[in-house]
Amino acid sequence: MGQSFRWHREAEAQWDERVDFWNERSRNMWNNGSRKDIIPFIDHHLKKGSSILDIGCADGYGSYKLHQSGYDVTGIDLSGEMIRRAREGLQYTGIEFLQGDACDLPAPSSSADGLMAINVLEWTESPNDALQEFSRVLKNDGVLFAGILGPTAGPRKNSYPRLHGQPSICNTMMPWEFRQLASEYGFTYDDGFGVYKENVAADHLKGLPEELKQALTFMWVFMLRRAGKGNG
């Protein structure tokens, strides 16, 4: 990509520019759209009152939904404008919002019961570094809820410029690649579900192995557990 490309600076600038675009859509995504089943999924796996970091919290609406569901929430985002917008949300009282990189989280080691990272790792310069950082801040037996964009997701067009040798802040990691990478950092896959576009019917998925189901997804949501960290 060339030495002139500063991923962190460029990513922060691009997300700063998208704050209004995101804010217009986030409530619908969490209440009625592609993210509507994520909080119920977390409720099924994480005890109420647990501490959870919402990494890539954007305008904070997902953090609010977590807080509303009974969790102790801290929202973290790379974009200063997103954090400013989150802090302005009057209904977000009781939630701390911090600016920070997924690869360098502003959180103590072994401090969180859970992490939520929805469509975050596809936008990191190094998913390896982010997973290592996630492992650092999770308690023993802590859980990671990660949403990874599938092949049918429109936002993947953001990685297209790489084919012309141009820099992109979106990487090309697929859900099955994420599962393998996470296993290399000590995460075990406990549960998950697919989010599909409207033209994918339940009958299309019958009898398919998970990898092929993921190949049809807009997003696959993972629940992974980090156990027995020791000194690693």
C-alpha atoms as a PDB file:
ATOM      1  CA  MET A   1       0.000   0.000   0.000  1.00  0.00           C
ATOM      2  CA  GLY A   2       3.016   2.255   0.240  1.00  0.00           C
ATOM      3  CA  GLN A   3       4.695   3.930   3.166  1.00  0.00           C
ATOM      4  CA  SER A   4       2.623   7.115   2.740  1.00  0.00           C
ATOM      5  CA  PHE A   5      -0.585   5.311   3.824  1.00  0.00           C
ATOM      6  CA  ARG A   6      -1.258   5.717   7.538  1.00  0.00           C
ATOM      7  CA  TRP A   7      -4.038   3.227   8.244  1.00  0.00           C
ATOM      8  CA  HIS A   8      -4.992   4.536  11.693  1.00  0.00           C
ATOM      9  CA  ARG A   9      -5.145   8.168  10.574  1.00  0.00           C
ATOM     10  CA  GLU A  10      -7.047   7.378   7.369  1.00  0.00           C
ATOM     11  CA  ALA A  11      -9.534   5.064   9.088  1.00  0.00           C
ATOM     12  CA  GLU A  12     -10.271   7.611  11.794  1.00  0.00           C
ATOM     13  CA  ALA A  13     -10.792  10.347   9.182  1.00  0.00           C
ATOM     14  CA  GLN A  14     -13.114   8.204   7.060  1.00  0.00           C
ATOM     15  CA  TRP A  15     -15.276   7.171  10.024  1.00  0.00           C
ATOM     16  CA  ASP A  16     -15.374  10.778  11.241  1.00  0.00           C
ATOM     17  CA  GLU A  17     -16.838  11.704   7.851  1.00  0.00           C
ATOM     18  CA  ARG A  18     -19.475   8.950   8.092  1.00  0.00           C
ATOM     19  CA  VAL A  19     -20.895   9.925  11.476  1.00  0.00           C
ATOM     20  CA  ASP A  20     -24.112  11.458  10.089  1.00  0.00           C
ATOM     21  CA  PHE A  21     -24.603   8.618   7.585  1.00  0.00           C
ATOM     22  CA  TRP A  22     -24.200   6.048  10.373  1.00  0.00           C
ATOM     23  CA  ASN A  23     -26.361   7.907  12.874  1.00  0.00           C
ATOM     24  CA  GLU A  24     -29.266   7.988  10.412  1.00  0.00           C
ATOM     25  CA  ARG A  25     -29.207   4.190  10.087  1.00  0.00           C
ATOM     26  CA  SER A  26     -27.991   2.718  13.370  1.00  0.00           C
ATOM     27  CA  ARG A  27     -31.305   2.658  15.253  1.00  0.00           C
ATOM     28  CA  ASN A  28     -33.062   0.799  12.468  1.00  0.00           C
ATOM     29  CA  MET A  29     -30.199  -1.715  12.142  1.00  0.00           C
ATOM     30  CA  TRP A  30     -30.337  -2.541  15.862  1.00  0.00           C
ATOM     31  CA  ASN A  31     -34.122  -2.447  16.216  1.00  0.00           C
ATOM     32  CA  ASN A  32     -35.364  -3.919  12.944  1.00  0.00           C
ATOM     33  CA  GLY A  33     -32.471  -4.690  10.609  1.00  0.00           C
ATOM     34  CA  SER A  34     -29.326  -6.786  10.359  1.00  0.00           C
ATOM     35  CA  ARG A  35     -28.406  -6.360  14.047  1.00  0.00           C
ATOM     36  CA  LYS A  36     -31.812  -6.919  15.670  1.00  0.00           C
ATOM     37  CA  ASP A  37     -31.034 -10.466  16.908  1.00  0.00           C
ATOM     38  CA  ILE A  38     -27.612  -9.709  18.392  1.00  0.00           C
ATOM     39  CA  ILE A  39     -28.651  -8.425  21.830  1.00  0.00           C
ATOM     40  CA  PRO A  40     -31.070 -11.361  22.398  1.00  0.00           C
ATOM     41  CA  PHE A  41     -28.205 -13.685  21.375  1.00  0.00           C
ATOM     42  CA  ILE A  42     -25.916 -12.040  23.931  1.00  0.00           C
ATOM     43  CA  ASP A  43     -28.655 -12.246  26.581  1.00  0.00           C
ATOM     44  CA  HIS A  44     -28.737 -16.001  26.043  1.00  0.00           C
ATOM     45  CA  HIS A  45     -25.009 -16.393  26.710  1.00  0.00           C
ATOM     46  CA  LEU A  46     -23.921 -13.626  29.121  1.00  0.00           C
ATOM     47  CA  LYS A  47     -25.233 -13.063  32.635  1.00  0.00           C
ATOM     48  CA  LYS A  48     -26.981  -9.751  33.275  1.00  0.00           C
ATOM     49  CA  GLY A  49     -24.823  -7.297  35.187  1.00  0.00           C
ATOM     50  CA  SER A  50     -21.657  -8.495  33.448  1.00  0.00           C
ATOM     51  CA  SER A  51     -19.131  -5.976  32.182  1.00  0.00           C
ATOM     52  CA  ILE A  52     -18.949  -5.741  28.406  1.00  0.00           C
ATOM     53  CA  LEU A  53     -16.939  -3.577  26.030  1.00  0.00           C
ATOM     54  CA  ASP A  54     -18.704  -2.500  22.844  1.00  0.00           C
ATOM     55  CA  ILE A  55     -15.741  -2.217  20.488  1.00  0.00           C
ATOM     56  CA  GLY A  56     -16.475  -0.120  17.417  1.00  0.00           C
ATOM     57  CA  CYS A  57     -19.490   1.375  19.190  1.00  0.00           C
ATOM     58  CA  ALA A  58     -19.939   4.160  16.599  1.00  0.00           C
ATOM     59  CA  ASP A  59     -22.752   6.504  17.722  1.00  0.00           C
ATOM     60  CA  GLY A  60     -23.414   4.378  20.821  1.00  0.00           C
ATOM     61  CA  TYR A  61     -26.849   2.988  20.027  1.00  0.00           C
ATOM     62  CA  GLY A  62     -25.695  -0.630  20.321  1.00  0.00           C
ATOM     63  CA  SER A  63     -24.077   0.253  23.645  1.00  0.00           C
ATOM     64  CA  TYR A  64     -27.385   1.725  24.747  1.00  0.00           C
ATOM     65  CA  LYS A  65     -29.193  -1.480  23.786  1.00  0.00           C
ATOM     66  CA  LEU A  66     -26.716  -3.495  25.862  1.00  0.00           C
ATOM     67  CA  HIS A  67     -27.111  -1.132  28.817  1.00  0.00           C
ATOM     68  CA  GLN A  68     -30.890  -1.296  28.475  1.00  0.00           C
ATOM     69  CA  SER A  69     -30.610  -5.086  28.620  1.00  0.00           C
ATOM     70  CA  GLY A  70     -28.832  -4.945  31.985  1.00  0.00           C
ATOM     71  CA  TYR A  71     -25.102  -4.908  31.258  1.00  0.00           C
ATOM     72  CA  ASP A  72     -22.273  -2.692  32.544  1.00  0.00           C
ATOM     73  CA  VAL A  73     -21.190  -1.184  29.226  1.00  0.00           C
ATOM     74  CA  THR A  74     -18.176   0.760  27.971  1.00  0.00           C
ATOM     75  CA  GLY A  75     -18.267   1.899  24.348  1.00  0.00           C
ATOM     76  CA  ILE A  76     -15.008   2.284  22.422  1.00  0.00           C
ATOM     77  CA  ASP A  77     -14.499   3.636  18.903  1.00  0.00           C
ATOM     78  CA  LEU A  78     -11.592   4.782  16.754  1.00  0.00           C
ATOM     79  CA  SER A  79     -13.503   7.836  15.539  1.00  0.00           C
ATOM     80  CA  GLY A  80     -13.483  10.903  17.744  1.00  0.00           C
ATOM     81  CA  GLU A  81     -16.614  12.191  15.992  1.00  0.00           C
ATOM     82  CA  MET A  82     -18.465   8.934  16.677  1.00  0.00           C
ATOM     83  CA  ILE A  83     -17.519   9.146  20.366  1.00  0.00           C
ATOM     84  CA  ARG A  84     -18.614  12.777  20.510  1.00  0.00           C
ATOM     85  CA  ARG A  85     -21.980  11.803  19.006  1.00  0.00           C
ATOM     86  CA  ALA A  86     -22.329   8.925  21.482  1.00  0.00           C
ATOM     87  CA  ARG A  87     -21.592  11.171  24.455  1.00  0.00           C
ATOM     88  CA  GLU A  88     -24.262  13.608  23.256  1.00  0.00           C
ATOM     89  CA  GLY A  89     -26.948  10.917  23.391  1.00  0.00           C
ATOM     90  CA  LEU A  90     -29.133  11.871  26.352  1.00  0.00           C
ATOM     91  CA  GLN A  91     -30.511   8.343  26.756  1.00  0.00           C
ATOM     92  CA  TYR A  92     -26.978   6.955  27.084  1.00  0.00           C
ATOM     93  CA  THR A  93     -26.550   8.031  30.725  1.00  0.00           C
ATOM     94  CA  GLY A  94     -24.581   5.429  32.669  1.00  0.00           C
ATOM     95  CA  ILE A  95     -22.418   4.356  29.727  1.00  0.00           C
ATOM     96  CA  GLU A  96     -18.769   5.376  29.448  1.00  0.00           C
ATOM     97  CA  PHE A  97     -17.546   6.164  25.926  1.00  0.00           C
ATOM     98  CA  LEU A  98     -13.826   6.167  25.111  1.00  0.00           C
ATOM     99  CA  GLN A  99     -11.867   6.791  21.942  1.00  0.00           C
ATOM    100  CA  GLY A 100      -9.517   3.921  21.161  1.00  0.00           C
ATOM    101  CA  ASP A 101      -8.205   1.467  18.590  1.00  0.00           C
ATOM    102  CA  ALA A 102      -9.323  -2.187  18.598  1.00  0.00           C
ATOM    103  CA  CYS A 103      -5.613  -3.074  18.469  1.00  0.00           C
ATOM    104  CA  ASP A 104      -4.792  -0.909  21.488  1.00  0.00           C
ATOM    105  CA  LEU A 105      -7.813  -0.823  23.780  1.00  0.00           C
ATOM    106  CA  PRO A 106      -8.045   1.687  26.643  1.00  0.00           C
ATOM    107  CA  ALA A 107      -8.923  -1.064  29.140  1.00  0.00           C
ATOM    108  CA  PRO A 108      -7.003  -2.987  31.834  1.00  0.00           C
ATOM    109  CA  SER A 109      -5.961  -6.583  31.290  1.00  0.00           C
ATOM    110  CA  SER A 110      -8.445  -9.284  32.368  1.00  0.00           C
ATOM    111  CA  SER A 111     -11.095  -6.650  33.128  1.00  0.00           C
ATOM    112  CA  ALA A 112     -14.083  -7.539  30.920  1.00  0.00           C
ATOM    113  CA  ASP A 113     -16.572 -10.389  31.149  1.00  0.00           C
ATOM    114  CA  GLY A 114     -17.495  -9.926  27.506  1.00  0.00           C
ATOM    115  CA  LEU A 115     -16.680  -8.073  24.304  1.00  0.00           C
ATOM    116  CA  MET A 116     -19.003  -7.126  21.463  1.00  0.00           C
ATOM    117  CA  ALA A 117     -17.318  -6.349  18.141  1.00  0.00           C
ATOM    118  CA  ILE A 118     -19.845  -6.143  15.298  1.00  0.00           C
ATOM    119  CA  ASN A 119     -18.315  -5.481  11.863  1.00  0.00           C
ATOM    120  CA  VAL A 120     -15.098  -4.284  13.479  1.00  0.00           C
ATOM    121  CA  LEU A 121     -12.389  -6.810  12.649  1.00  0.00           C
ATOM    122  CA  GLU A 122     -13.031  -6.423   8.902  1.00  0.00           C
ATOM    123  CA  TRP A 123     -12.004  -2.778   9.317  1.00  0.00           C
ATOM    124  CA  THR A 124      -8.771  -3.311  11.257  1.00  0.00           C
ATOM    125  CA  GLU A 125      -5.288  -3.070   9.822  1.00  0.00           C
ATOM    126  CA  SER A 126      -4.316  -6.276  11.635  1.00  0.00           C
ATOM    127  CA  PRO A 127      -7.037  -8.685  12.848  1.00  0.00           C
ATOM    128  CA  ASN A 128      -4.232 -10.662  14.529  1.00  0.00           C
ATOM    129  CA  ASP A 129      -3.311  -7.705  16.719  1.00  0.00           C
ATOM    130  CA  ALA A 130      -6.954  -7.013  17.525  1.00  0.00           C
ATOM    131  CA  LEU A 131      -7.607 -10.607  18.614  1.00  0.00           C
ATOM    132  CA  GLN A 132      -4.493 -10.551  20.767  1.00  0.00           C
ATOM    133  CA  GLU A 133      -5.785  -7.368  22.377  1.00  0.00           C
ATOM    134  CA  PHE A 134      -9.262  -8.858  22.857  1.00  0.00           C
ATOM    135  CA  SER A 135      -7.654 -11.803  24.622  1.00  0.00           C
ATOM    136  CA  ARG A 136      -5.711  -9.430  26.863  1.00  0.00           C
ATOM    137  CA  VAL A 137      -8.724  -7.521  28.178  1.00  0.00           C
ATOM    138  CA  LEU A 138     -11.043 -10.526  28.620  1.00  0.00           C
ATOM    139  CA  LYS A 139     -11.233 -12.336  31.926  1.00  0.00           C
ATOM    140  CA  ASN A 140     -10.599 -16.072  32.049  1.00  0.00           C
ATOM    141  CA  ASP A 141     -13.618 -17.761  30.480  1.00  0.00           C
ATOM    142  CA  GLY A 142     -14.716 -14.413  29.044  1.00  0.00           C
ATOM    143  CA  VAL A 143     -16.785 -14.325  25.860  1.00  0.00           C
ATOM    144  CA  LEU A 144     -16.431 -12.549  22.536  1.00  0.00           C
ATOM    145  CA  PHE A 145     -19.431 -11.743  20.351  1.00  0.00           C
ATOM    146  CA  ALA A 146     -18.111 -10.907  16.888  1.00  0.00           C
ATOM    147  CA  GLY A 147     -20.079 -10.106  13.746  1.00  0.00           C
ATOM    148  CA  ILE A 148     -18.089 -10.709  10.545  1.00  0.00           C
ATOM    149  CA  LEU A 149     -19.395  -9.562   7.165  1.00  0.00           C
ATOM    150  CA  GLY A 150     -20.091 -12.392   4.736  1.00  0.00           C
ATOM    151  CA  PRO A 151     -19.523 -12.490   0.972  1.00  0.00           C
ATOM    152  CA  THR A 152     -22.932 -10.958   0.132  1.00  0.00           C
ATOM    153  CA  ALA A 153     -22.459  -7.851   2.293  1.00  0.00           C
ATOM    154  CA  GLY A 154     -22.603  -4.585   0.384  1.00  0.00           C
ATOM    155  CA  PRO A 155     -19.976  -2.907   2.613  1.00  0.00           C
ATOM    156  CA  ARG A 156     -17.352  -5.273   1.201  1.00  0.00           C
ATOM    157  CA  LYS A 157     -17.177  -3.005  -1.860  1.00  0.00           C
ATOM    158  CA  ASN A 158     -14.983  -0.803   0.342  1.00  0.00           C
ATOM    159  CA  SER A 159     -12.102  -3.264  -0.132  1.00  0.00           C
ATOM    160  CA  TYR A 160     -12.309  -3.146  -3.942  1.00  0.00           C
ATOM    161  CA  PRO A 161      -9.661  -0.395  -4.431  1.00  0.00           C
ATOM    162  CA  ARG A 162      -6.984  -2.908  -3.342  1.00  0.00           C
ATOM    163  CA  LEU A 163      -7.324  -4.558  -6.792  1.00  0.00           C
ATOM    164  CA  HIS A 164      -5.981  -1.329  -8.286  1.00  0.00           C
ATOM    165  CA  GLY A 165      -3.140  -1.225  -5.772  1.00  0.00           C
ATOM    166  CA  GLN A 166      -4.887   1.490  -3.801  1.00  0.00           C
ATOM    167  CA  PRO A 167      -5.110   1.568   0.007  1.00  0.00           C
ATOM    168  CA  SER A 168      -8.274   0.380   1.716  1.00  0.00           C
ATOM    169  CA  ILE A 169      -9.338   0.472   5.365  1.00  0.00           C
ATOM    170  CA  CYS A 170     -11.511  -2.630   4.820  1.00  0.00           C
ATOM    171  CA  ASN A 171      -9.762  -5.995   4.773  1.00  0.00           C
ATOM    172  CA  THR A 172     -11.093  -9.119   3.055  1.00  0.00           C
ATOM    173  CA  MET A 173     -11.371 -11.545   6.000  1.00  0.00           C
ATOM    174  CA  MET A 174     -14.265 -13.994   5.641  1.00  0.00           C
ATOM    175  CA  PRO A 175     -16.232 -15.616   8.504  1.00  0.00           C
ATOM    176  CA  TRP A 176     -14.540 -19.010   8.100  1.00  0.00           C
ATOM    177  CA  GLU A 177     -11.138 -17.325   8.105  1.00  0.00           C
ATOM    178  CA  PHE A 178     -12.030 -15.456  11.279  1.00  0.00           C
ATOM    179  CA  ARG A 179     -13.012 -18.692  13.031  1.00  0.00           C
ATOM    180  CA  GLN A 180      -9.642 -20.241  12.160  1.00  0.00           C
ATOM    181  CA  LEU A 181      -7.711 -17.122  13.197  1.00  0.00           C
ATOM    182  CA  ALA A 182      -9.595 -16.854  16.496  1.00  0.00           C
ATOM    183  CA  SER A 183      -8.799 -20.490  17.298  1.00  0.00           C
ATOM    184  CA  GLU A 184      -5.096 -19.663  16.945  1.00  0.00           C
ATOM    185  CA  TYR A 185      -5.506 -17.113  19.742  1.00  0.00           C
ATOM    186  CA  GLY A 186      -7.180 -19.564  22.114  1.00  0.00           C
ATOM    187  CA  PHE A 187     -10.828 -18.788  21.339  1.00  0.00           C
ATOM    188  CA  THR A 188     -13.259 -21.674  21.063  1.00  0.00           C
ATOM    189  CA  TYR A 189     -16.425 -21.403  18.990  1.00  0.00           C
ATOM    190  CA  ASP A 190     -19.495 -22.056  21.167  1.00  0.00           C
ATOM    191  CA  ASP A 191     -22.382 -20.762  19.065  1.00  0.00           C
ATOM    192  CA  GLY A 192     -23.317 -18.564  16.127  1.00  0.00           C
ATOM    193  CA  PHE A 193     -25.966 -17.588  13.618  1.00  0.00           C
ATOM    194  CA  GLY A 194     -26.231 -16.155  10.139  1.00  0.00           C
ATOM    195  CA  VAL A 195     -27.839 -12.923   8.969  1.00  0.00           C
ATOM    196  CA  TYR A 196     -29.078 -13.207   5.401  1.00  0.00           C
ATOM    197  CA  LYS A 197     -30.549 -10.965   2.757  1.00  0.00           C
ATOM    198  CA  GLU A 198     -34.263 -11.283   2.089  1.00  0.00           C
ATOM    199  CA  ASN A 199     -33.842 -13.409  -1.042  1.00  0.00           C
ATOM    200  CA  VAL A 200     -32.117 -16.214   0.926  1.00  0.00           C
ATOM    201  CA  ALA A 201     -34.900 -18.500   2.148  1.00  0.00           C
ATOM    202  CA  ALA A 202     -34.672 -21.074   4.934  1.00  0.00           C
ATOM    203  CA  ASP A 203     -35.052 -23.848   2.349  1.00  0.00           C
ATOM    204  CA  HIS A 204     -31.836 -22.707   0.672  1.00  0.00           C
ATOM    205  CA  LEU A 205     -29.893 -23.466   3.849  1.00  0.00           C
ATOM    206  CA  LYS A 206     -31.251 -26.947   4.607  1.00  0.00           C
ATOM    207  CA  GLY A 207     -28.543 -29.595   4.672  1.00  0.00           C
ATOM    208  CA  LEU A 208     -25.702 -27.162   4.035  1.00  0.00           C
ATOM    209  CA  PRO A 209     -22.525 -27.353   6.156  1.00  0.00           C
ATOM    210  CA  GLU A 210     -21.782 -24.232   8.146  1.00  0.00           C
ATOM    211  CA  GLU A 211     -19.091 -23.004   5.735  1.00  0.00           C
ATOM    212  CA  LEU A 212     -21.606 -22.926   2.867  1.00  0.00           C
ATOM    213  CA  LYS A 213     -24.207 -21.249   5.046  1.00  0.00           C
ATOM    214  CA  GLN A 214     -21.610 -18.587   5.823  1.00  0.00           C
ATOM    215  CA  ALA A 215     -20.916 -18.201   2.098  1.00  0.00           C
ATOM    216  CA  LEU A 216     -24.489 -16.930   1.673  1.00  0.00           C
ATOM    217  CA  THR A 217     -24.431 -14.539   4.608  1.00  0.00           C
ATOM    218  CA  PHE A 218     -24.555 -10.819   4.893  1.00  0.00           C
ATOM    219  CA  MET A 219     -22.987 -11.417   8.328  1.00  0.00           C
ATOM    220  CA  TRP A 220     -22.173 -14.305  10.651  1.00  0.00           C
ATOM    221  CA  VAL A 221     -22.380 -13.612  14.388  1.00  0.00           C
ATOM    222  CA  PHE A 222     -19.966 -15.655  16.523  1.00  0.00           C
ATOM    223  CA  MET A 223     -19.963 -16.430  20.223  1.00  0.00           C
ATOM    224  CA  LEU A 224     -16.443 -17.463  21.235  1.00  0.00           C
ATOM    225  CA  ARG A 225     -14.961 -18.238  24.632  1.00  0.00           C
ATOM    226  CA  ARG A 226     -11.448 -17.425  25.797  1.00  0.00           C
ATOM    227  CA  ALA A 227     -10.427 -19.900  28.491  1.00  0.00           C
ATOM    228  CA  GLY A 228      -7.210 -20.724  30.310  1.00  0.00           C
ATOM    229  CA  LYS A 229      -5.214 -17.636  29.339  1.00  0.00           C
ATOM    230  CA  GLY A 230      -2.497 -18.236  31.912  1.00  0.00           C
ATOM    231  CA  ASN A 231       0.378 -15.890  31.157  1.00  0.00           C
ATOM    232  CA  GLY A 232      -0.343 -15.749  27.420  1.00  0.00           C
END
